[in-house]
Amino acid sequence: MVIVVNITIKSSYADQKISLIKISGKVEISADSKTWTVVKNTQKINNRTWLKTGKDGSVVLVLPDKTQTKSLEILLYF
């Protein structure tokens, strides 16, 4: 099962990056939802980036307003 979520952040944060921390299992990012890159280390991604986790994957996201959220088996578009 894959859940698709589009998270909209305040326009004042639109040009700021989102931090990916506490990466576990398979986590991938994509700019176009066609070509995927595996995330192995903590990093920052741009707004309008796709994020996908496998069945064993999870990641904690830190949004520009410092809100933290944990994602499990998802497909997100920021």
N, C-alpha and C. Protein backbone atom coordinates (compact mmCIF):
# COMPACT_ATOMS: atom_id res chain seq x y z
N MET A 1 0.83 -1.17 0.00
CA MET A 1 0.00 0.00 0.00
C MET A 1 0.88 1.24 0.00
N VAL A 2 0.58 2.18 -0.87
CA VAL A 2 1.31 3.44 -0.93
C VAL A 2 0.31 4.57 -0.73
N ILE A 3 0.63 5.48 0.14
CA ILE A 3 -0.21 6.64 0.41
C ILE A 3 0.42 7.84 -0.28
N VAL A 4 -0.36 8.58 -1.03
CA VAL A 4 0.14 9.76 -1.72
C VAL A 4 -0.35 10.98 -0.96
N VAL A 5 0.58 11.85 -0.62
CA VAL A 5 0.25 13.05 0.15
C VAL A 5 0.95 14.25 -0.48
N ASN A 6 0.24 15.33 -0.61
CA ASN A 6 0.83 16.58 -1.06
C ASN A 6 0.78 17.54 0.11
N ILE A 7 1.93 17.88 0.64
CA ILE A 7 2.00 18.79 1.78
C ILE A 7 2.33 20.18 1.27
N THR A 8 1.50 21.12 1.63
CA THR A 8 1.72 22.51 1.24
C THR A 8 2.23 23.27 2.45
N ILE A 9 3.35 23.94 2.25
CA ILE A 9 3.89 24.74 3.35
C ILE A 9 3.66 26.21 3.04
N LYS A 10 3.69 27.03 4.07
CA LYS A 10 3.46 28.46 3.89
C LYS A 10 4.35 29.02 2.81
N SER A 11 3.82 29.96 2.03
CA SER A 11 4.59 30.54 0.93
C SER A 11 5.86 31.21 1.42
N SER A 12 5.88 31.66 2.67
CA SER A 12 7.09 32.29 3.21
C SER A 12 8.21 31.26 3.37
N TYR A 13 7.86 29.96 3.39
CA TYR A 13 8.86 28.90 3.52
C TYR A 13 9.14 28.21 2.18
N ALA A 14 8.45 28.58 1.13
CA ALA A 14 8.51 27.85 -0.14
C ALA A 14 9.92 27.73 -0.72
N ASP A 15 10.77 28.69 -0.49
CA ASP A 15 12.12 28.63 -1.05
C ASP A 15 13.13 28.00 -0.09
N GLN A 16 12.68 27.56 1.07
CA GLN A 16 13.56 26.94 2.04
C GLN A 16 13.56 25.43 1.89
N LYS A 17 14.62 24.81 2.33
CA LYS A 17 14.77 23.36 2.18
C LYS A 17 14.15 22.59 3.34
N ILE A 18 13.84 21.33 3.07
CA ILE A 18 13.30 20.41 4.07
C ILE A 18 14.40 19.43 4.42
N SER A 19 14.65 19.22 5.71
CA SER A 19 15.71 18.30 6.15
C SER A 19 15.17 16.89 6.28
N LEU A 20 15.94 15.93 5.79
CA LEU A 20 15.65 14.51 5.98
C LEU A 20 16.62 13.99 7.02
N ILE A 21 16.09 13.52 8.14
CA ILE A 21 16.95 13.00 9.21
C ILE A 21 16.42 11.62 9.63
N LYS A 22 17.18 10.91 10.40
CA LYS A 22 16.79 9.59 10.91
C LYS A 22 16.25 8.70 9.80
N ILE A 23 17.08 8.46 8.80
CA ILE A 23 16.71 7.65 7.64
C ILE A 23 16.92 6.18 7.97
N SER A 24 15.90 5.37 7.67
CA SER A 24 15.97 3.94 7.94
C SER A 24 15.36 3.18 6.75
N GLY A 25 16.00 2.10 6.31
CA GLY A 25 15.48 1.33 5.20
C GLY A 25 15.58 2.08 3.89
N LYS A 26 14.72 1.73 2.94
CA LYS A 26 14.77 2.34 1.61
C LYS A 26 13.99 3.64 1.57
N VAL A 27 14.70 4.73 1.28
CA VAL A 27 14.12 6.07 1.13
C VAL A 27 14.69 6.64 -0.17
N GLU A 28 13.83 7.18 -1.02
CA GLU A 28 14.25 7.73 -2.30
C GLU A 28 13.64 9.11 -2.52
N ILE A 29 14.34 9.93 -3.33
CA ILE A 29 13.83 11.25 -3.71
C ILE A 29 13.89 11.39 -5.23
N SER A 30 13.04 12.29 -5.74
CA SER A 30 12.99 12.54 -7.18
C SER A 30 12.49 13.95 -7.44
N ALA A 31 13.04 14.59 -8.45
CA ALA A 31 12.58 15.91 -8.85
C ALA A 31 11.38 15.81 -9.80
N ASP A 32 11.26 14.66 -10.51
CA ASP A 32 10.23 14.52 -11.53
C ASP A 32 9.32 13.31 -11.35
N SER A 33 9.48 12.56 -10.30
CA SER A 33 8.75 11.32 -9.99
C SER A 33 9.00 10.21 -11.00
N LYS A 34 10.06 10.34 -11.80
CA LYS A 34 10.42 9.31 -12.78
C LYS A 34 11.80 8.74 -12.49
N THR A 35 12.75 9.59 -12.18
CA THR A 35 14.11 9.19 -11.87
C THR A 35 14.32 9.34 -10.37
N TRP A 36 14.63 8.21 -9.69
CA TRP A 36 14.73 8.20 -8.23
C TRP A 36 16.16 8.01 -7.78
N THR A 37 16.53 8.69 -6.68
CA THR A 37 17.84 8.59 -6.07
C THR A 37 17.67 8.11 -4.64
N VAL A 38 18.43 7.08 -4.27
CA VAL A 38 18.37 6.55 -2.91
C VAL A 38 19.02 7.53 -1.94
N VAL A 39 18.36 7.79 -0.82
CA VAL A 39 18.88 8.66 0.23
C VAL A 39 19.53 7.77 1.28
N LYS A 40 20.82 7.98 1.51
CA LYS A 40 21.54 7.17 2.48
C LYS A 40 21.98 7.96 3.70
N ASN A 41 22.10 9.27 3.53
CA ASN A 41 22.58 10.12 4.62
C ASN A 41 21.62 11.29 4.83
N THR A 42 21.71 11.87 6.02
CA THR A 42 20.94 13.07 6.31
C THR A 42 21.22 14.11 5.24
N GLN A 43 20.18 14.75 4.74
CA GLN A 43 20.37 15.79 3.73
C GLN A 43 19.17 16.71 3.69
N LYS A 44 19.28 17.78 2.89
CA LYS A 44 18.18 18.72 2.71
C LYS A 44 17.69 18.59 1.27
N ILE A 45 16.36 18.70 1.12
CA ILE A 45 15.77 18.64 -0.21
C ILE A 45 14.99 19.92 -0.49
N ASN A 46 14.83 20.21 -1.77
CA ASN A 46 14.08 21.39 -2.18
C ASN A 46 12.59 21.16 -2.05
N ASN A 47 11.86 22.25 -1.94
CA ASN A 47 10.42 22.21 -2.05
C ASN A 47 10.10 21.64 -3.43
N ARG A 48 9.00 20.96 -3.60
CA ARG A 48 8.58 20.33 -4.85
C ARG A 48 9.44 19.11 -5.21
N THR A 49 9.91 18.41 -4.20
CA THR A 49 10.65 17.17 -4.37
C THR A 49 9.76 16.01 -3.96
N TRP A 50 9.78 14.94 -4.75
CA TRP A 50 9.05 13.72 -4.40
C TRP A 50 9.87 12.92 -3.41
N LEU A 51 9.19 12.29 -2.46
CA LEU A 51 9.83 11.45 -1.45
C LEU A 51 9.08 10.14 -1.38
N LYS A 52 9.81 9.02 -1.44
CA LYS A 52 9.18 7.70 -1.43
C LYS A 52 9.95 6.79 -0.48
N THR A 53 9.22 6.02 0.32
CA THR A 53 9.86 5.03 1.19
C THR A 53 9.35 3.64 0.81
N GLY A 54 10.21 2.65 1.02
CA GLY A 54 9.81 1.27 0.80
C GLY A 54 9.10 0.73 2.02
N LYS A 55 8.73 -0.56 1.95
CA LYS A 55 8.03 -1.19 3.08
C LYS A 55 8.84 -1.11 4.36
N ASP A 56 10.16 -1.19 4.24
CA ASP A 56 11.02 -1.16 5.43
C ASP A 56 11.57 0.23 5.71
N GLY A 57 11.12 1.24 4.96
CA GLY A 57 11.70 2.57 5.06
C GLY A 57 10.94 3.53 5.93
N SER A 58 11.68 4.45 6.52
CA SER A 58 11.07 5.56 7.27
C SER A 58 12.07 6.70 7.27
N VAL A 59 11.54 7.89 7.47
CA VAL A 59 12.38 9.08 7.52
C VAL A 59 11.67 10.13 8.37
N VAL A 60 12.44 10.90 9.09
CA VAL A 60 11.90 12.03 9.83
C VAL A 60 12.19 13.28 9.02
N LEU A 61 11.13 14.06 8.77
CA LEU A 61 11.25 15.30 8.02
C LEU A 61 11.24 16.48 8.99
N VAL A 62 12.10 17.45 8.74
CA VAL A 62 12.08 18.69 9.50
C VAL A 62 11.72 19.80 8.51
N LEU A 63 10.52 20.34 8.66
CA LEU A 63 10.04 21.39 7.77
C LEU A 63 10.68 22.73 8.14
N PRO A 64 10.62 23.71 7.23
CA PRO A 64 11.26 25.01 7.51
C PRO A 64 10.81 25.68 8.80
N ASP A 65 9.59 25.41 9.25
CA ASP A 65 9.12 26.02 10.50
C ASP A 65 9.53 25.20 11.72
N LYS A 66 10.41 24.20 11.51
CA LYS A 66 10.98 23.32 12.54
C LYS A 66 10.02 22.22 13.00
N THR A 67 8.87 22.09 12.36
CA THR A 67 7.96 20.98 12.63
C THR A 67 8.62 19.68 12.19
N GLN A 68 8.53 18.64 13.00
CA GLN A 68 9.08 17.33 12.64
C GLN A 68 7.96 16.34 12.45
N THR A 69 8.09 15.49 11.45
CA THR A 69 7.11 14.45 11.20
C THR A 69 7.82 13.19 10.71
N LYS A 70 7.33 12.03 11.12
CA LYS A 70 7.91 10.77 10.70
C LYS A 70 7.05 10.18 9.60
N SER A 71 7.69 9.72 8.54
CA SER A 71 6.98 9.15 7.41
C SER A 71 7.31 7.68 7.26
N LEU A 72 6.29 6.86 7.10
CA LEU A 72 6.42 5.43 6.92
C LEU A 72 5.70 5.00 5.65
N GLU A 73 6.35 4.22 4.79
CA GLU A 73 5.78 3.68 3.56
C GLU A 73 4.87 4.68 2.86
N ILE A 74 5.49 5.67 2.26
CA ILE A 74 4.73 6.76 1.67
C ILE A 74 5.32 7.22 0.35
N LEU A 75 4.55 8.01 -0.36
CA LEU A 75 5.00 8.76 -1.52
C LEU A 75 4.52 10.18 -1.29
N LEU A 76 5.44 11.10 -1.09
CA LEU A 76 5.08 12.50 -0.78
C LEU A 76 5.60 13.42 -1.87
N TYR A 77 4.93 14.54 -2.04
CA TYR A 77 5.37 15.59 -2.93
C TYR A 77 5.35 16.90 -2.16
N PHE A 78 6.52 17.53 -2.05
CA PHE A 78 6.63 18.80 -1.33
C PHE A 78 6.75 19.94 -2.30
